[in-house]
Protein backbone atom coordinates (compact mmCIF):
# COMPACT_ATOMS: atom_id res chain seq x y z
CA MET A 1 -0.25 0.09 0.26
CA ARG A 2 1.54 3.20 -1.13
CA ASN A 3 1.97 6.05 1.37
CA ILE A 4 -0.31 8.78 0.75
CA LYS A 5 0.99 12.60 1.31
CA ILE A 6 -1.11 15.70 1.31
CA ASP A 7 0.58 19.00 0.28
CA GLU A 8 0.83 21.10 3.30
CA ARG A 9 0.76 24.16 1.60
CA TYR A 10 -2.95 24.06 0.98
CA GLY A 11 -5.26 25.02 4.01
CA ARG A 12 -8.44 23.96 1.80
CA LEU A 13 -8.61 20.57 0.12
CA LEU A 14 -11.01 19.32 -2.09
CA PHE A 15 -11.36 15.32 -2.33
CA VAL A 16 -12.19 13.98 -5.48
CA GLU A 17 -12.93 9.84 -6.38
CA GLY A 18 -10.85 10.16 -9.76
CA ARG A 19 -8.96 11.55 -12.72
CA ASP A 20 -12.42 13.03 -14.78
CA ASP A 21 -13.41 15.00 -11.14
CA GLU A 22 -10.14 16.28 -11.18
CA VAL A 23 -10.21 17.83 -14.45
CA PHE A 24 -13.84 18.83 -14.39
CA PHE A 25 -13.12 20.72 -10.98
CA LEU A 26 -10.20 22.21 -12.41
CA LYS A 27 -11.88 23.46 -15.53
CA LEU A 28 -14.63 24.74 -13.22
CA PHE A 29 -12.30 26.46 -11.09
CA GLU A 30 -11.11 27.96 -14.05
CA HIS A 31 -14.54 29.28 -14.75
CA MET A 32 -15.27 30.84 -11.47
CA GLY A 33 -11.93 32.48 -11.34
CA ILE A 34 -10.54 30.73 -7.90
CA SER A 35 -7.86 28.51 -9.93
CA GLY A 36 -5.16 27.94 -7.03
CA ASP A 37 -7.46 28.77 -4.07
CA ILE A 38 -8.20 25.06 -3.47
CA HIS A 39 -5.54 21.74 -4.13
CA ILE A 40 -7.78 18.75 -5.33
CA VAL A 41 -6.76 15.36 -3.90
CA VAL A 42 -7.46 12.49 -5.82
CA TYR A 43 -8.69 9.30 -3.56
CA GLY A 44 -9.22 7.11 -5.98
CA GLY A 45 -12.75 5.84 -5.10
CA LYS A 46 -15.11 5.42 -1.98
CA ASP A 47 -13.28 2.69 -0.82
CA ASN A 48 -9.68 4.44 -0.87
CA LEU A 49 -11.75 7.88 1.41
CA GLN A 50 -10.64 6.61 4.94
CA ARG A 51 -7.02 6.05 4.01
CA HIS A 52 -6.82 9.47 2.75
CA LEU A 53 -8.76 10.52 5.96
CA LEU A 54 -6.29 9.18 8.08
CA ALA A 55 -3.37 10.83 6.16
CA ILE A 56 -4.74 14.25 6.59
CA LEU A 57 -4.96 13.21 10.79
CA SER A 58 -1.28 12.27 10.54
CA ASP A 59 -0.50 15.43 9.49
CA ALA A 60 1.51 17.20 12.31
CA ASN A 61 0.38 20.62 11.56
CA TYR A 62 -3.59 19.06 10.83
CA SER A 63 -4.45 21.74 12.78
CA ILE A 64 -2.25 24.56 11.83
CA ASN A 65 -2.86 24.54 8.49
CA ARG A 66 -5.80 23.00 7.28
CA GLN A 67 -9.03 25.45 7.12
CA HIS A 68 -11.77 23.87 5.09
CA ILE A 69 -11.99 20.19 3.56
CA GLY A 70 -14.42 19.53 0.57
CA ILE A 71 -14.96 15.82 0.00
CA VAL A 72 -17.26 14.98 -3.49
CA ARG A 73 -18.56 11.88 -4.04
CA ASP A 74 -21.37 9.77 -6.63
CA ALA A 75 -24.52 8.94 -5.11
CA ASP A 76 -24.15 5.52 -6.82
CA TYR A 77 -26.52 3.14 -6.54
CA ASN A 78 -28.34 1.20 -3.91
CA THR A 79 -25.81 3.17 -1.34
CA ASP A 80 -25.78 5.84 1.61
CA ALA A 81 -23.44 7.96 0.32
CA PHE A 82 -23.53 10.85 2.69
CA ASP A 83 -23.44 8.28 5.60
CA SER A 84 -20.34 6.22 3.77
CA ILE A 85 -18.31 9.10 4.06
CA VAL A 86 -19.40 10.43 7.51
CA SER A 87 -18.84 6.45 8.79
CA ALA A 88 -14.92 7.40 7.26
CA LEU A 89 -14.63 10.74 8.96
CA ARG A 90 -15.66 8.96 12.41
CA HIS A 91 -13.13 5.89 11.59
CA ALA A 92 -10.46 8.45 10.83
CA ASN A 93 -11.15 10.40 14.11
CA GLU A 94 -11.30 6.45 16.37
CA HIS A 95 -8.10 5.46 14.95
CA ARG A 96 -5.97 8.87 15.28
CA GLY A 97 -7.10 9.69 19.11
CA THR A 98 -8.31 13.06 20.50
CA ARG A 99 -5.50 14.95 19.32
CA HIS A 100 -6.98 16.29 15.85
CA GLN A 101 -10.14 15.14 15.31
CA PHE A 102 -12.77 16.12 12.00
CA SER A 103 -15.55 17.74 13.10
CA ILE A 104 -18.63 16.01 10.83
CA PRO A 105 -21.30 17.90 8.97
CA GLY A 106 -24.72 16.63 10.20
CA THR A 107 -25.96 16.73 6.36
CA ALA A 108 -24.49 16.68 3.12
CA GLN A 109 -23.80 20.22 1.42
CA ALA A 110 -23.67 21.88 4.76
CA ARG A 111 -20.54 22.97 6.67
CA SER A 112 -19.19 21.68 9.70
CA GLU A 113 -19.90 23.82 12.88
CA ALA A 114 -16.46 23.78 14.04
CA ALA A 115 -13.07 24.81 12.04
CA PRO A 116 -11.36 23.28 10.27
CA TYR A 117 -14.39 22.94 8.54
CA VAL A 118 -15.91 19.71 6.81
CA SER A 119 -18.17 19.73 3.47
CA VAL A 120 -19.51 16.78 1.88
CA LEU A 121 -21.14 17.11 -1.67
CA VAL A 122 -23.07 14.17 -2.91
CA LEU A 123 -23.92 14.14 -6.58
CA PRO A 124 -26.35 14.11 -7.81
CA PRO A 125 -27.55 16.09 -4.71
CA ASP A 126 -31.19 14.71 -5.21
CA GLY A 127 -31.06 11.23 -6.18
CA GLU A 128 -29.01 8.19 -7.10
CA GLY A 129 -26.42 8.44 -10.06
CA THR A 130 -23.23 10.06 -11.01
CA LEU A 131 -21.47 12.75 -12.21
CA GLU A 132 -21.90 12.15 -15.60
CA ASP A 133 -25.83 12.04 -15.46
CA LEU A 134 -25.58 15.84 -14.63
CA VAL A 135 -24.00 16.40 -17.63
CA VAL A 136 -25.77 14.48 -19.70
CA ASP A 137 -28.68 16.60 -18.44
CA VAL A 138 -26.85 19.35 -19.12
CA LEU A 139 -26.60 18.45 -22.74
CA LYS A 140 -29.63 17.03 -23.44
CA THR A 141 -31.06 20.59 -25.62
CA GLU A 142 -27.51 19.93 -27.58
CA PRO A 143 -28.37 18.60 -31.63
CA VAL A 144 -26.13 15.98 -30.79
CA MET A 145 -28.15 14.10 -28.50
CA THR A 146 -31.25 13.59 -29.95
CA CYS A 147 -28.80 11.34 -32.64
CA VAL A 148 -27.54 9.62 -29.12
CA ASP A 149 -30.95 9.25 -27.60
CA GLN A 150 -31.73 7.19 -30.73
CA TYR A 151 -28.57 4.75 -30.50
CA PHE A 152 -29.58 4.19 -27.24
CA GLU A 153 -33.02 3.41 -28.16
CA CYS A 154 -31.90 0.82 -31.16
CA LEU A 155 -30.09 -0.91 -28.69
CA THR A 156 -32.68 -1.82 -26.13
CA GLU A 157 -34.80 -2.38 -29.12
CA ASN A 158 -32.50 -4.89 -30.69
CA GLY A 159 -32.63 -6.66 -26.73
CA ILE A 160 -29.03 -5.28 -25.89
CA SER A 161 -29.26 -4.72 -21.75
CA ILE A 162 -28.04 -1.17 -20.63
CA SER A 163 -26.49 -0.97 -17.24
CA ARG A 164 -27.88 1.68 -15.26
CA GLU A 165 -24.25 1.87 -13.82
CA ARG A 166 -22.95 2.59 -16.97
CA PHE A 167 -25.32 4.35 -19.03
CA SER A 168 -24.55 8.01 -18.68
CA LYS A 169 -20.70 7.47 -18.71
CA SER A 170 -21.62 5.67 -21.93
CA LYS A 171 -23.84 7.95 -23.20
CA LEU A 172 -21.44 10.64 -22.77
CA SER A 173 -18.93 8.60 -24.46
CA VAL A 174 -21.32 8.17 -27.41
CA PHE A 175 -22.06 12.02 -27.53
CA ILE A 176 -18.65 13.33 -27.65
CA SER A 177 -17.83 10.59 -30.71
CA GLY A 178 -20.83 11.83 -32.28
CA ALA A 179 -19.95 15.70 -31.73
CA ALA A 180 -16.58 14.97 -33.03
CA VAL A 181 -17.34 14.00 -36.68
CA ASP A 182 -18.94 17.31 -37.12
CA THR A 183 -15.98 19.43 -38.41
CA ASP A 184 -17.64 23.11 -37.91
CA TYR A 185 -18.42 21.52 -33.84
CA ALA A 186 -15.09 19.98 -33.14
CA THR A 187 -11.41 19.86 -33.90
CA ASN A 188 -9.42 17.19 -35.42
CA ARG A 189 -8.13 16.88 -31.97
CA ASP A 190 -11.64 16.49 -30.23
CA SER A 191 -12.14 13.39 -32.18
CA ARG A 192 -9.80 11.51 -29.63
CA ARG A 193 -11.39 12.24 -27.00
CA LYS A 194 -14.55 10.07 -25.27
CA PHE A 195 -14.50 10.99 -21.40
CA LEU A 196 -15.64 13.20 -19.19
CA ARG A 197 -12.38 14.77 -18.12
CA GLU A 198 -11.92 15.37 -21.99
CA ALA A 199 -15.53 16.72 -22.77
CA VAL A 200 -15.05 19.66 -20.09
CA ALA A 201 -11.31 20.35 -22.54
CA MET A 202 -13.44 20.55 -26.00
CA HIS A 203 -13.94 22.74 -28.22
CA TRP A 204 -17.44 22.83 -28.16
CA TRP A 205 -17.59 23.24 -24.56
CA ARG A 206 -19.02 26.53 -24.07
CA ALA A 207 -18.78 29.00 -20.96
CA ALA A 208 -22.49 28.93 -20.87
CA LEU A 209 -22.64 25.24 -19.88
CA TRP A 210 -21.61 26.20 -16.46
CA GLN A 211 -24.23 28.54 -15.91
CA HIS A 212 -26.74 25.07 -16.19
CA ASP A 213 -28.44 24.84 -13.01
CA ASN A 214 -26.96 21.48 -12.15
CA PHE A 215 -23.63 22.65 -11.45
CA ARG A 216 -25.21 25.95 -9.27
CA VAL A 217 -25.23 23.35 -6.38
CA ILE A 218 -21.73 22.41 -7.20
CA GLN A 219 -20.52 25.79 -7.67
CA ASP A 220 -22.47 27.12 -4.30
CA PHE A 221 -20.34 24.26 -2.45
CA LEU A 222 -16.86 25.61 -3.81
CA THR A 223 -17.76 28.81 -2.82
CA GLN A 224 -18.54 27.44 0.96
CA LEU A 225 -15.39 25.49 0.77
CA ARG A 226 -13.24 28.33 -0.33
CA THR A 227 -15.23 31.25 1.79
CA ASP A 228 -16.04 29.14 5.12
CA GLN A 229 -19.69 30.23 4.94
CA PRO A 230 -22.51 28.41 5.55
CA SER A 231 -23.85 26.77 2.49
CA SER A 232 -27.64 28.67 0.95
CA ALA A 233 -29.06 25.07 0.88
CA THR A 234 -28.43 25.04 4.55
């Protein structure tokens, strides 16, 4: 098991599950004009979150350097994502004694009461699924999505079973492929892309897409993480 090193220069950390999430949030930071204010830590999936939290508490300068920690994960399916994160926070507290402790928020999107603050964001915030579900919904009015929907309808009509766990990721990948063939819509470089982390960097990803209501809760969460102010959602 490799050692986990958290950069001690940063007081505000955002824990995300994977590389796609990291790039998505970095691009959103750029749009919001907050690049450099928050450091992203990729914890590599929900099963690895606990180890990363223990690494934070192992830092002798934890209470001095840490101002606010945000944790983001997918809601997924048939899980209670928020309770899972709370369990990881409590486990870290129990295994590192009383010198350093995480304060635990009462609900998702809410900031904990004590500093260093902890905030949790589960995506989508109001149901099952993943970050890709939010992105696909944002793109639903794009012309390419009509063809994407017909593609998946064809699969269903031909008896091909579609996994709901993979559906949005697959739908986004098909959308990217469809968008790449239009030379007025995409560049040659776009034709090699197929993941969320690549979608937000593509020629056709417009600044206006960040204004969608689906991303408002995410931007509010990042503002809370950056300013320590309680979320308007609370």
